[in-house]
Amino acid sequence: MIERYLEGNRRFLEEDFRRDPDHYSPLASAQHPGVLWIGCSDSRVDPERITGAKAGELFVHRNIGNIVPLQDWNLATVIEYALNHLKVGDIVICGHSNCGAIKSLDHEGGDTYIPLWLNNAVEAKRRVDSRIPAPKNPEEEKNRLRLIEIENIGLQIEHLRTYPPVRAAEKEGRIQIHGLYFDLATGELKKVI
C-alpha cells in the first residue's frame, strides 16, 4: 500500500510541484494560510480536495466528528497559533453527511475513548430530538442524522467561541467564523451557519 503513495508523490513532484515553483518555493520557508479549517477525520472529506485549495491556503485541524471540545490543549494551541501567529482571517467548522461520529451518538459500543469524545457532541443530538418526532422510517432517520450533523456544526461553533483567543479576535473584528456542510453523495459544500 505504501508504495502506491510513494508513486503518487512521484507524480505530484512531476505534475504539480516542479511545474509551479513560484507557488511551492515560498512555502518551503513560511506559510500564510487565510483559514483555520476544523473538520472531521473522515477519509472521504479532504479539505483541500473539496475546496480546490492549494498547499498553504488552509491550516487544518481534523478529528472524529469535527469537534471543538471545551478546554482542549491540543486544539487550543492550534487556535492560538492560527490567530496569533498565522493571522488567519476565517475559521471554518466543517461537518459532513453520513458522519460515523454522529451515528455513534445513538449507539452504546464497546469502545472506551470514542464515547468520551462524543460527549462533546451529544448536545446536538438532544437539541434535534427535542424539536422533531422520533423517526418512523429510514428516510426520516436519514433526515434526523443530517439535522444532527448540521446542529453539531453550530454546537462546535459555540464551543469555539469559548476560547479566549477566538473571543478576542472576533470582538476586534479580525476573524469571521463559518459553518460548512459537505454532502458526500453530491460533492456539494455549502454554508449552513
N, C-alpha and C. Protein backbone atom coordinates (compact mmCIF):
# COMPACT_ATOMS: atom_id res chain seq x y z
N MET A 1 0.82 -1.20 0.00
CA MET A 1 0.00 0.00 0.00
C MET A 1 0.86 1.26 0.00
N ILE A 2 1.92 1.28 0.81
CA ILE A 2 2.73 2.48 0.92
C ILE A 2 3.41 2.81 -0.41
N GLU A 3 3.73 1.80 -1.19
CA GLU A 3 4.36 2.04 -2.50
C GLU A 3 3.44 2.86 -3.40
N ARG A 4 2.16 2.62 -3.29
CA ARG A 4 1.18 3.38 -4.07
C ARG A 4 1.26 4.87 -3.76
N TYR A 5 1.44 5.19 -2.47
CA TYR A 5 1.52 6.58 -2.07
C TYR A 5 2.85 7.21 -2.45
N LEU A 6 3.91 6.43 -2.39
CA LEU A 6 5.21 6.93 -2.84
C LEU A 6 5.17 7.22 -4.34
N GLU A 7 4.49 6.36 -5.09
CA GLU A 7 4.33 6.59 -6.52
C GLU A 7 3.47 7.84 -6.75
N GLY A 8 2.46 8.02 -5.95
CA GLY A 8 1.63 9.23 -6.03
C GLY A 8 2.46 10.47 -5.76
N ASN A 9 3.40 10.37 -4.83
CA ASN A 9 4.27 11.50 -4.56
C ASN A 9 5.17 11.80 -5.76
N ARG A 10 5.64 10.78 -6.43
CA ARG A 10 6.46 10.99 -7.62
C ARG A 10 5.65 11.73 -8.70
N ARG A 11 4.38 11.36 -8.85
CA ARG A 11 3.52 12.06 -9.80
C ARG A 11 3.30 13.52 -9.37
N PHE A 12 3.09 13.72 -8.07
CA PHE A 12 2.93 15.07 -7.55
C PHE A 12 4.17 15.93 -7.87
N LEU A 13 5.34 15.35 -7.66
CA LEU A 13 6.57 16.09 -7.95
C LEU A 13 6.64 16.50 -9.41
N GLU A 14 6.33 15.57 -10.29
CA GLU A 14 6.43 15.85 -11.73
C GLU A 14 5.31 16.74 -12.25
N GLU A 15 4.08 16.46 -11.83
CA GLU A 15 2.92 17.13 -12.42
C GLU A 15 2.50 18.41 -11.72
N ASP A 16 2.96 18.61 -10.49
CA ASP A 16 2.49 19.77 -9.73
C ASP A 16 3.67 20.56 -9.16
N PHE A 17 4.42 19.95 -8.28
CA PHE A 17 5.46 20.65 -7.54
C PHE A 17 6.50 21.31 -8.44
N ARG A 18 7.05 20.56 -9.36
CA ARG A 18 8.11 21.10 -10.23
C ARG A 18 7.56 22.04 -11.30
N ARG A 19 6.30 21.94 -11.59
CA ARG A 19 5.68 22.83 -12.60
C ARG A 19 5.23 24.17 -12.02
N ASP A 20 5.22 24.28 -10.70
CA ASP A 20 4.74 25.51 -10.08
C ASP A 20 5.71 25.99 -8.99
N PRO A 21 6.96 26.24 -9.35
CA PRO A 21 7.94 26.66 -8.33
C PRO A 21 7.59 28.01 -7.69
N ASP A 22 6.90 28.86 -8.41
CA ASP A 22 6.52 30.16 -7.83
C ASP A 22 5.57 29.99 -6.65
N HIS A 23 4.79 28.94 -6.66
CA HIS A 23 3.89 28.67 -5.54
C HIS A 23 4.61 27.92 -4.42
N TYR A 24 5.34 26.85 -4.77
CA TYR A 24 5.91 25.97 -3.75
C TYR A 24 7.19 26.48 -3.12
N SER A 25 8.02 27.22 -3.83
CA SER A 25 9.29 27.69 -3.26
C SER A 25 9.08 28.53 -2.00
N PRO A 26 8.19 29.52 -2.01
CA PRO A 26 7.99 30.31 -0.78
C PRO A 26 7.45 29.47 0.39
N LEU A 27 6.70 28.40 0.08
CA LEU A 27 6.13 27.57 1.14
C LEU A 27 7.19 26.78 1.90
N ALA A 28 8.37 26.63 1.32
CA ALA A 28 9.45 25.90 1.99
C ALA A 28 9.94 26.64 3.23
N SER A 29 9.73 27.95 3.27
CA SER A 29 10.24 28.72 4.40
C SER A 29 9.15 29.37 5.26
N ALA A 30 7.92 29.47 4.77
CA ALA A 30 6.86 30.11 5.56
C ALA A 30 5.50 29.73 5.02
N GLN A 31 4.51 29.82 5.90
CA GLN A 31 3.13 29.61 5.48
C GLN A 31 2.30 30.82 5.84
N HIS A 32 1.30 31.09 5.02
CA HIS A 32 0.41 32.22 5.25
C HIS A 32 -1.04 31.83 4.90
N PRO A 33 -1.56 30.79 5.57
CA PRO A 33 -2.94 30.40 5.26
C PRO A 33 -3.92 31.47 5.72
N GLY A 34 -5.02 31.56 5.02
CA GLY A 34 -6.05 32.53 5.39
C GLY A 34 -7.14 31.96 6.26
N VAL A 35 -7.18 30.61 6.35
CA VAL A 35 -8.29 29.94 7.01
C VAL A 35 -7.78 28.87 7.97
N LEU A 36 -8.36 28.84 9.16
CA LEU A 36 -8.22 27.70 10.06
C LEU A 36 -9.43 26.82 9.79
N TRP A 37 -9.18 25.60 9.33
CA TRP A 37 -10.23 24.65 8.96
C TRP A 37 -10.29 23.56 10.02
N ILE A 38 -11.41 23.44 10.71
CA ILE A 38 -11.61 22.39 11.70
C ILE A 38 -12.63 21.44 11.11
N GLY A 39 -12.18 20.24 10.78
CA GLY A 39 -13.05 19.29 10.11
C GLY A 39 -12.93 17.90 10.68
N CYS A 40 -13.68 17.01 10.09
CA CYS A 40 -13.71 15.61 10.52
C CYS A 40 -12.54 14.85 9.92
N SER A 41 -12.09 13.85 10.65
CA SER A 41 -11.00 12.98 10.18
C SER A 41 -11.44 12.04 9.07
N ASP A 42 -12.72 11.99 8.78
CA ASP A 42 -13.25 11.08 7.77
C ASP A 42 -12.41 11.14 6.49
N SER A 43 -11.99 9.99 6.01
CA SER A 43 -11.09 9.91 4.85
C SER A 43 -11.74 10.41 3.57
N ARG A 44 -13.06 10.54 3.57
CA ARG A 44 -13.76 10.98 2.36
C ARG A 44 -13.89 12.50 2.28
N VAL A 45 -13.46 13.20 3.31
CA VAL A 45 -13.66 14.65 3.38
C VAL A 45 -12.30 15.35 3.48
N ASP A 46 -11.59 15.38 2.37
CA ASP A 46 -10.27 16.01 2.30
C ASP A 46 -10.45 17.51 2.05
N PRO A 47 -10.12 18.36 3.02
CA PRO A 47 -10.41 19.79 2.88
C PRO A 47 -9.84 20.44 1.61
N GLU A 48 -8.60 20.17 1.30
CA GLU A 48 -8.02 20.78 0.11
C GLU A 48 -8.70 20.30 -1.16
N ARG A 49 -9.03 19.05 -1.19
CA ARG A 49 -9.65 18.48 -2.40
C ARG A 49 -11.05 19.03 -2.63
N ILE A 50 -11.87 19.08 -1.56
CA ILE A 50 -13.26 19.50 -1.74
C ILE A 50 -13.41 21.01 -1.92
N THR A 51 -12.36 21.77 -1.58
CA THR A 51 -12.43 23.23 -1.75
C THR A 51 -11.61 23.73 -2.93
N GLY A 52 -10.75 22.88 -3.46
CA GLY A 52 -9.85 23.33 -4.52
C GLY A 52 -8.72 24.18 -4.00
N ALA A 53 -8.48 24.14 -2.69
CA ALA A 53 -7.40 24.93 -2.10
C ALA A 53 -6.04 24.36 -2.49
N LYS A 54 -5.09 25.25 -2.63
CA LYS A 54 -3.72 24.85 -2.92
C LYS A 54 -2.96 24.71 -1.60
N ALA A 55 -1.84 24.04 -1.66
CA ALA A 55 -0.98 23.90 -0.48
C ALA A 55 -0.70 25.28 0.10
N GLY A 56 -0.81 25.39 1.42
CA GLY A 56 -0.52 26.64 2.09
C GLY A 56 -1.71 27.54 2.32
N GLU A 57 -2.88 27.20 1.79
CA GLU A 57 -4.05 28.06 1.93
C GLU A 57 -4.89 27.76 3.18
N LEU A 58 -4.86 26.50 3.63
CA LEU A 58 -5.66 26.10 4.79
C LEU A 58 -4.75 25.61 5.91
N PHE A 59 -5.02 26.04 7.12
CA PHE A 59 -4.36 25.50 8.31
C PHE A 59 -5.38 24.54 8.90
N VAL A 60 -5.09 23.25 8.88
CA VAL A 60 -6.12 22.23 9.11
C VAL A 60 -5.94 21.50 10.43
N HIS A 61 -7.07 21.36 11.13
CA HIS A 61 -7.15 20.52 12.33
C HIS A 61 -8.33 19.57 12.11
N ARG A 62 -8.07 18.27 12.19
CA ARG A 62 -9.13 17.29 11.96
C ARG A 62 -9.23 16.33 13.14
N ASN A 63 -10.45 15.92 13.43
CA ASN A 63 -10.69 14.92 14.46
C ASN A 63 -12.04 14.26 14.20
N ILE A 64 -12.32 13.22 14.94
CA ILE A 64 -13.58 12.49 14.79
C ILE A 64 -14.74 13.42 15.11
N GLY A 65 -15.61 13.66 14.12
CA GLY A 65 -16.83 14.44 14.34
C GLY A 65 -16.66 15.95 14.26
N ASN A 66 -15.54 16.45 13.73
CA ASN A 66 -15.27 17.89 13.64
C ASN A 66 -15.64 18.60 14.95
N ILE A 67 -15.10 18.07 16.03
CA ILE A 67 -15.46 18.53 17.37
C ILE A 67 -14.47 19.59 17.87
N VAL A 68 -15.03 20.57 18.56
CA VAL A 68 -14.25 21.59 19.27
C VAL A 68 -14.54 21.37 20.75
N PRO A 69 -13.75 20.51 21.39
CA PRO A 69 -14.03 20.24 22.80
C PRO A 69 -13.71 21.46 23.66
N LEU A 70 -14.42 21.58 24.74
CA LEU A 70 -14.14 22.66 25.68
C LEU A 70 -12.83 22.36 26.39
N GLN A 71 -11.97 23.33 26.49
CA GLN A 71 -10.72 23.23 27.24
C GLN A 71 -9.82 22.10 26.76
N ASP A 72 -9.60 22.02 25.47
CA ASP A 72 -8.72 21.00 24.88
C ASP A 72 -7.38 21.65 24.53
N TRP A 73 -6.30 21.19 25.14
CA TRP A 73 -4.99 21.81 24.94
C TRP A 73 -4.51 21.68 23.50
N ASN A 74 -4.78 20.55 22.89
CA ASN A 74 -4.34 20.36 21.51
C ASN A 74 -4.99 21.40 20.60
N LEU A 75 -6.30 21.50 20.66
CA LEU A 75 -6.99 22.46 19.82
C LEU A 75 -6.67 23.89 20.23
N ALA A 76 -6.51 24.13 21.51
CA ALA A 76 -6.19 25.48 21.98
C ALA A 76 -4.89 25.98 21.35
N THR A 77 -3.90 25.11 21.24
CA THR A 77 -2.63 25.54 20.63
C THR A 77 -2.80 25.80 19.14
N VAL A 78 -3.63 25.00 18.48
CA VAL A 78 -3.90 25.21 17.05
C VAL A 78 -4.57 26.57 16.86
N ILE A 79 -5.57 26.85 17.66
CA ILE A 79 -6.30 28.11 17.57
C ILE A 79 -5.37 29.29 17.84
N GLU A 80 -4.63 29.19 18.92
CA GLU A 80 -3.73 30.28 19.30
C GLU A 80 -2.69 30.56 18.22
N TYR A 81 -2.12 29.49 17.69
CA TYR A 81 -1.12 29.66 16.63
C TYR A 81 -1.74 30.26 15.38
N ALA A 82 -2.91 29.75 15.00
CA ALA A 82 -3.58 30.25 13.79
C ALA A 82 -3.93 31.73 13.91
N LEU A 83 -4.42 32.14 15.06
CA LEU A 83 -4.86 33.53 15.23
C LEU A 83 -3.70 34.48 15.52
N ASN A 84 -2.81 34.08 16.41
CA ASN A 84 -1.78 35.00 16.86
C ASN A 84 -0.53 35.03 15.98
N HIS A 85 -0.23 33.93 15.32
CA HIS A 85 1.00 33.86 14.53
C HIS A 85 0.74 33.82 13.02
N LEU A 86 -0.24 33.05 12.62
CA LEU A 86 -0.54 32.98 11.18
C LEU A 86 -1.51 34.07 10.74
N LYS A 87 -2.20 34.65 11.69
CA LYS A 87 -3.13 35.76 11.42
C LYS A 87 -4.23 35.37 10.43
N VAL A 88 -4.79 34.16 10.60
CA VAL A 88 -5.89 33.75 9.72
C VAL A 88 -7.06 34.71 9.92
N GLY A 89 -7.84 34.90 8.87
CA GLY A 89 -8.98 35.79 8.93
C GLY A 89 -10.31 35.08 9.04
N ASP A 90 -10.29 33.76 8.84
CA ASP A 90 -11.52 32.97 8.89
C ASP A 90 -11.28 31.66 9.62
N ILE A 91 -12.29 31.21 10.33
CA ILE A 91 -12.28 29.87 10.93
C ILE A 91 -13.51 29.15 10.40
N VAL A 92 -13.30 27.93 9.93
CA VAL A 92 -14.37 27.09 9.40
C VAL A 92 -14.53 25.86 10.29
N ILE A 93 -15.77 25.55 10.64
CA ILE A 93 -16.11 24.25 11.20
C ILE A 93 -16.86 23.54 10.08
N CYS A 94 -16.33 22.41 9.62
CA CYS A 94 -16.95 21.70 8.50
C CYS A 94 -17.41 20.32 8.94
N GLY A 95 -18.71 20.09 8.86
CA GLY A 95 -19.29 18.78 9.08
C GLY A 95 -19.64 18.15 7.75
N HIS A 96 -20.16 16.94 7.80
CA HIS A 96 -20.48 16.24 6.55
C HIS A 96 -21.57 15.21 6.74
N SER A 97 -22.13 14.79 5.62
CA SER A 97 -23.18 13.77 5.63
C SER A 97 -22.59 12.41 5.97
N ASN A 98 -23.48 11.53 6.41
CA ASN A 98 -23.11 10.14 6.71
C ASN A 98 -21.94 10.07 7.68
N CYS A 99 -21.95 10.94 8.68
CA CYS A 99 -20.86 11.02 9.65
C CYS A 99 -20.97 9.90 10.68
N GLY A 100 -19.94 9.09 10.75
CA GLY A 100 -19.93 7.97 11.69
C GLY A 100 -19.99 8.42 13.13
N ALA A 101 -19.38 9.56 13.43
CA ALA A 101 -19.42 10.07 14.81
C ALA A 101 -20.86 10.39 15.22
N ILE A 102 -21.59 11.03 14.33
CA ILE A 102 -22.98 11.39 14.64
C ILE A 102 -23.83 10.13 14.79
N LYS A 103 -23.62 9.16 13.91
CA LYS A 103 -24.34 7.89 14.04
C LYS A 103 -24.05 7.22 15.37
N SER A 104 -22.81 7.34 15.84
CA SER A 104 -22.39 6.71 17.09
C SER A 104 -23.06 7.30 18.32
N LEU A 105 -23.60 8.52 18.19
CA LEU A 105 -24.29 9.13 19.33
C LEU A 105 -25.49 8.30 19.78
N ASP A 106 -26.03 7.49 18.87
CA ASP A 106 -27.20 6.67 19.18
C ASP A 106 -26.86 5.27 19.68
N HIS A 107 -25.60 4.90 19.66
CA HIS A 107 -25.24 3.51 19.93
C HIS A 107 -24.19 3.39 21.02
N GLU A 108 -24.50 2.59 22.00
CA GLU A 108 -23.50 2.24 23.01
C GLU A 108 -22.65 1.12 22.43
N GLY A 109 -21.38 1.31 22.42
CA GLY A 109 -20.50 0.28 21.89
C GLY A 109 -19.51 -0.16 22.94
N GLY A 110 -18.61 -1.00 22.54
CA GLY A 110 -17.60 -1.49 23.46
C GLY A 110 -16.36 -0.63 23.50
N ASP A 111 -16.39 0.51 22.81
CA ASP A 111 -15.22 1.38 22.78
C ASP A 111 -15.06 2.12 24.09
N THR A 112 -13.82 2.46 24.40
CA THR A 112 -13.52 3.20 25.62
C THR A 112 -13.47 4.70 25.37
N TYR A 113 -12.75 5.11 24.36
CA TYR A 113 -12.47 6.52 24.16
C TYR A 113 -13.50 7.26 23.31
N ILE A 114 -14.05 6.58 22.32
CA ILE A 114 -14.97 7.24 21.40
C ILE A 114 -16.18 7.82 22.12
N PRO A 115 -16.85 7.08 23.01
CA PRO A 115 -18.00 7.68 23.71
C PRO A 115 -17.61 8.90 24.56
N LEU A 116 -16.44 8.86 25.16
CA LEU A 116 -15.99 10.02 25.94
C LEU A 116 -15.82 11.24 25.04
N TRP A 117 -15.21 11.03 23.88
CA TRP A 117 -15.00 12.11 22.92
C TRP A 117 -16.34 12.65 22.42
N LEU A 118 -17.26 11.75 22.13
CA LEU A 118 -18.55 12.16 21.57
C LEU A 118 -19.45 12.87 22.57
N ASN A 119 -19.10 12.84 23.84
CA ASN A 119 -19.84 13.65 24.81
C ASN A 119 -19.81 15.12 24.42
N ASN A 120 -18.80 15.51 23.64
CA ASN A 120 -18.69 16.89 23.16
C ASN A 120 -19.71 17.22 22.07
N ALA A 121 -20.44 16.22 21.58
CA ALA A 121 -21.42 16.44 20.52
C ALA A 121 -22.83 16.01 20.92
N VAL A 122 -22.98 15.39 22.06
CA VAL A 122 -24.28 14.82 22.43
C VAL A 122 -25.37 15.88 22.56
N GLU A 123 -25.00 17.10 22.89
CA GLU A 123 -25.99 18.18 23.00
C GLU A 123 -26.66 18.46 21.66
N ALA A 124 -25.93 18.28 20.56
CA ALA A 124 -26.53 18.47 19.23
C ALA A 124 -27.66 17.47 19.02
N LYS A 125 -27.44 16.24 19.41
CA LYS A 125 -28.47 15.20 19.31
C LYS A 125 -29.68 15.56 20.17
N ARG A 126 -29.42 15.99 21.39
CA ARG A 126 -30.52 16.35 22.30
C ARG A 126 -31.37 17.48 21.71
N ARG A 127 -30.72 18.48 21.14
CA ARG A 127 -31.43 19.62 20.58
C ARG A 127 -32.34 19.20 19.43
N VAL A 128 -31.81 18.39 18.54
CA VAL A 128 -32.62 17.94 17.39
C VAL A 128 -33.76 17.05 17.87
N ASP A 129 -33.46 16.11 18.74
CA ASP A 129 -34.50 15.20 19.20
C ASP A 129 -35.61 15.91 19.96
N SER A 130 -35.31 17.07 20.55
CA SER A 130 -36.35 17.82 21.25
C SER A 130 -37.24 18.59 20.28
N ARG A 131 -36.80 18.76 19.03
CA ARG A 131 -37.55 19.54 18.05
C ARG A 131 -38.36 18.70 17.08
N ILE A 132 -37.99 17.44 16.90
CA ILE A 132 -38.68 16.62 15.89
C ILE A 132 -39.20 15.34 16.53
N PRO A 133 -40.23 14.75 15.93
CA PRO A 133 -40.70 13.46 16.44
C PRO A 133 -39.70 12.35 16.12
N ALA A 134 -39.79 11.27 16.86
CA ALA A 134 -38.91 10.13 16.61
C ALA A 134 -39.13 9.63 15.18
N PRO A 135 -38.07 9.31 14.47
CA PRO A 135 -38.21 8.84 13.09
C PRO A 135 -38.96 7.51 13.02
N LYS A 136 -39.77 7.38 11.97
CA LYS A 136 -40.59 6.17 11.81
C LYS A 136 -40.14 5.31 10.64
N ASN A 137 -39.20 5.81 9.83
CA ASN A 137 -38.73 5.05 8.67
C ASN A 137 -37.30 5.48 8.33
N PRO A 138 -36.65 4.76 7.44
CA PRO A 138 -35.25 5.08 7.11
C PRO A 138 -35.05 6.50 6.57
N GLU A 139 -36.01 6.99 5.80
CA GLU A 139 -35.86 8.35 5.26
C GLU A 139 -35.91 9.39 6.38
N GLU A 140 -36.82 9.21 7.33
CA GLU A 140 -36.89 10.14 8.47
C GLU A 140 -35.63 10.04 9.32
N GLU A 141 -35.09 8.84 9.48
CA GLU A 141 -33.85 8.66 10.24
C GLU A 141 -32.69 9.35 9.54
N LYS A 142 -32.62 9.24 8.22
CA LYS A 142 -31.57 9.92 7.45
C LYS A 142 -31.67 11.43 7.63
N ASN A 143 -32.89 11.95 7.58
CA ASN A 143 -33.11 13.38 7.79
C ASN A 143 -32.70 13.80 9.20
N ARG A 144 -33.06 12.99 10.18
CA ARG A 144 -32.68 13.28 11.58
C ARG A 144 -31.17 13.36 11.71
N LEU A 145 -30.46 12.39 11.14
CA LEU A 145 -28.99 12.40 11.24
C LEU A 145 -28.41 13.64 10.57
N ARG A 146 -28.95 14.03 9.43
CA ARG A 146 -28.47 15.24 8.76
C ARG A 146 -28.70 16.47 9.65
N LEU A 147 -29.87 16.54 10.28
CA LEU A 147 -30.15 17.66 11.18
C LEU A 147 -29.16 17.68 12.35
N ILE A 148 -28.83 16.51 12.88
CA ILE A 148 -27.86 16.45 13.98
C ILE A 148 -26.47 16.85 13.49
N GLU A 149 -26.10 16.41 12.29
CA GLU A 149 -24.80 16.79 11.73
C GLU A 149 -24.68 18.30 11.61
N ILE A 150 -25.74 18.94 11.15
CA ILE A 150 -25.74 20.40 11.00
C ILE A 150 -25.81 21.08 12.36
N GLU A 151 -26.62 20.57 13.25
CA GLU A 151 -26.70 21.12 14.61
C GLU A 151 -25.34 21.02 15.31
N ASN A 152 -24.63 19.92 15.05
CA ASN A 152 -23.31 19.75 15.65
C ASN A 152 -22.33 20.83 15.18
N ILE A 153 -22.45 21.25 13.94
CA ILE A 153 -21.60 22.35 13.45
C ILE A 153 -21.85 23.60 14.29
N GLY A 154 -23.12 23.91 14.52
CA GLY A 154 -23.46 25.07 15.34
C GLY A 154 -22.97 24.93 16.77
N LEU A 155 -23.13 23.74 17.34
CA LEU A 155 -22.67 23.49 18.70
C LEU A 155 -21.16 23.67 18.80
N GLN A 156 -20.44 23.18 17.82
CA GLN A 156 -18.98 23.31 17.87
C GLN A 156 -18.55 24.76 17.68
N ILE A 157 -19.31 25.54 16.93
CA ILE A 157 -19.02 26.98 16.83
C ILE A 157 -19.23 27.63 18.21
N GLU A 158 -20.28 27.22 18.92
CA GLU A 158 -20.48 27.73 20.28
C GLU A 158 -19.27 27.40 21.15
N HIS A 159 -18.80 26.17 21.07
CA HIS A 159 -17.61 25.77 21.84
C HIS A 159 -16.40 26.60 21.44
N LEU A 160 -16.23 26.80 20.12
CA LEU A 160 -15.10 27.58 19.61
C LEU A 160 -15.07 28.97 20.23
N ARG A 161 -16.23 29.57 20.37
CA ARG A 161 -16.30 30.93 20.90
C ARG A 161 -16.01 31.02 22.40
N THR A 162 -15.82 29.90 23.07
CA THR A 162 -15.42 29.93 24.48
C THR A 162 -13.91 30.10 24.63
N TYR A 163 -13.16 29.90 23.57
CA TYR A 163 -11.70 30.02 23.64
C TYR A 163 -11.32 31.51 23.64
N PRO A 164 -10.56 31.96 24.64
CA PRO A 164 -10.21 33.39 24.73
C PRO A 164 -9.60 33.99 23.46
N PRO A 165 -8.69 33.32 22.75
CA PRO A 165 -8.16 33.95 21.53
C PRO A 165 -9.24 34.17 20.47
N VAL A 166 -10.20 33.28 20.41
CA VAL A 166 -11.30 33.43 19.43
C VAL A 166 -12.19 34.59 19.85
N ARG A 167 -12.54 34.64 21.13
CA ARG A 167 -13.39 35.74 21.61
C ARG A 167 -12.73 37.09 21.33
N ALA A 168 -11.44 37.19 21.61
CA ALA A 168 -10.73 38.45 21.40
C ALA A 168 -10.68 38.81 19.92
N ALA A 169 -10.33 37.84 19.08
CA ALA A 169 -10.22 38.11 17.63
C ALA A 169 -11.57 38.47 17.03
N GLU A 170 -12.62 37.81 17.48
CA GLU A 170 -13.95 38.12 16.96
C GLU A 170 -14.40 39.52 17.42
N LYS A 171 -14.14 39.83 18.68
CA LYS A 171 -14.51 41.14 19.21
C LYS A 171 -13.78 42.26 18.47
N GLU A 172 -12.53 42.02 18.11
CA GLU A 172 -11.72 43.01 17.40
C GLU A 172 -11.99 43.02 15.90
N GLY A 173 -12.83 42.10 15.44
CA GLY A 173 -13.17 42.04 14.02
C GLY A 173 -12.07 41.46 13.14
N ARG A 174 -11.17 40.68 13.75
CA ARG A 174 -10.06 40.10 12.99
C ARG A 174 -10.43 38.78 12.32
N ILE A 175 -11.52 38.15 12.74
CA ILE A 175 -11.91 36.86 12.15
C ILE A 175 -13.40 36.81 11.90
N GLN A 176 -13.74 35.90 11.00
CA GLN A 176 -15.13 35.52 10.78
C GLN A 176 -15.20 34.01 10.95
N ILE A 177 -16.30 33.54 11.49
CA ILE A 177 -16.49 32.12 11.74
C ILE A 177 -17.59 31.61 10.83
N HIS A 178 -17.35 30.46 10.21
CA HIS A 178 -18.28 29.89 9.24
C HIS A 178 -18.56 28.42 9.56
N GLY A 179 -19.79 28.01 9.35
CA GLY A 179 -20.18 26.61 9.44
C GLY A 179 -20.47 26.08 8.05
N LEU A 180 -19.71 25.08 7.62
CA LEU A 180 -19.90 24.49 6.29
C LEU A 180 -20.31 23.03 6.43
N TYR A 181 -21.02 22.54 5.42
CA TYR A 181 -21.50 21.16 5.41
C TYR A 181 -21.21 20.55 4.05
N PHE A 182 -20.54 19.40 4.05
CA PHE A 182 -20.18 18.70 2.82
C PHE A 182 -21.07 17.48 2.65
N ASP A 183 -21.73 17.40 1.50
CA ASP A 183 -22.61 16.27 1.19
C ASP A 183 -21.81 15.25 0.38
N LEU A 184 -21.58 14.10 0.97
CA LEU A 184 -20.79 13.06 0.31
C LEU A 184 -21.46 12.54 -0.96
N ALA A 185 -22.77 12.51 -0.99
CA ALA A 185 -23.49 11.95 -2.15
C ALA A 185 -23.44 12.88 -3.37
N THR A 186 -23.43 14.19 -3.11
CA THR A 186 -23.48 15.14 -4.23
C THR A 186 -22.15 15.85 -4.47
N GLY A 187 -21.25 15.81 -3.48
CA GLY A 187 -19.99 16.52 -3.59
C GLY A 187 -20.10 18.00 -3.31
N GLU A 188 -21.30 18.46 -2.89
CA GLU A 188 -21.54 19.90 -2.67
C GLU A 188 -21.12 20.32 -1.27
N LEU A 189 -20.41 21.43 -1.21
CA LEU A 189 -20.03 22.08 0.06
C LEU A 189 -20.86 23.36 0.15
N LYS A 190 -21.59 23.51 1.27
CA LYS A 190 -22.40 24.72 1.39
C LYS A 190 -22.33 25.28 2.79
N LYS A 191 -22.56 26.59 2.84
CA LYS A 191 -22.56 27.29 4.13
C LYS A 191 -23.90 27.04 4.82
N VAL A 192 -23.85 26.61 6.08
CA VAL A 192 -25.07 26.36 6.84
C VAL A 192 -25.19 27.30 8.03
N ILE A 193 -24.10 27.93 8.39
CA ILE A 193 -24.10 28.88 9.52
C ILE A 193 -23.17 30.02 9.16
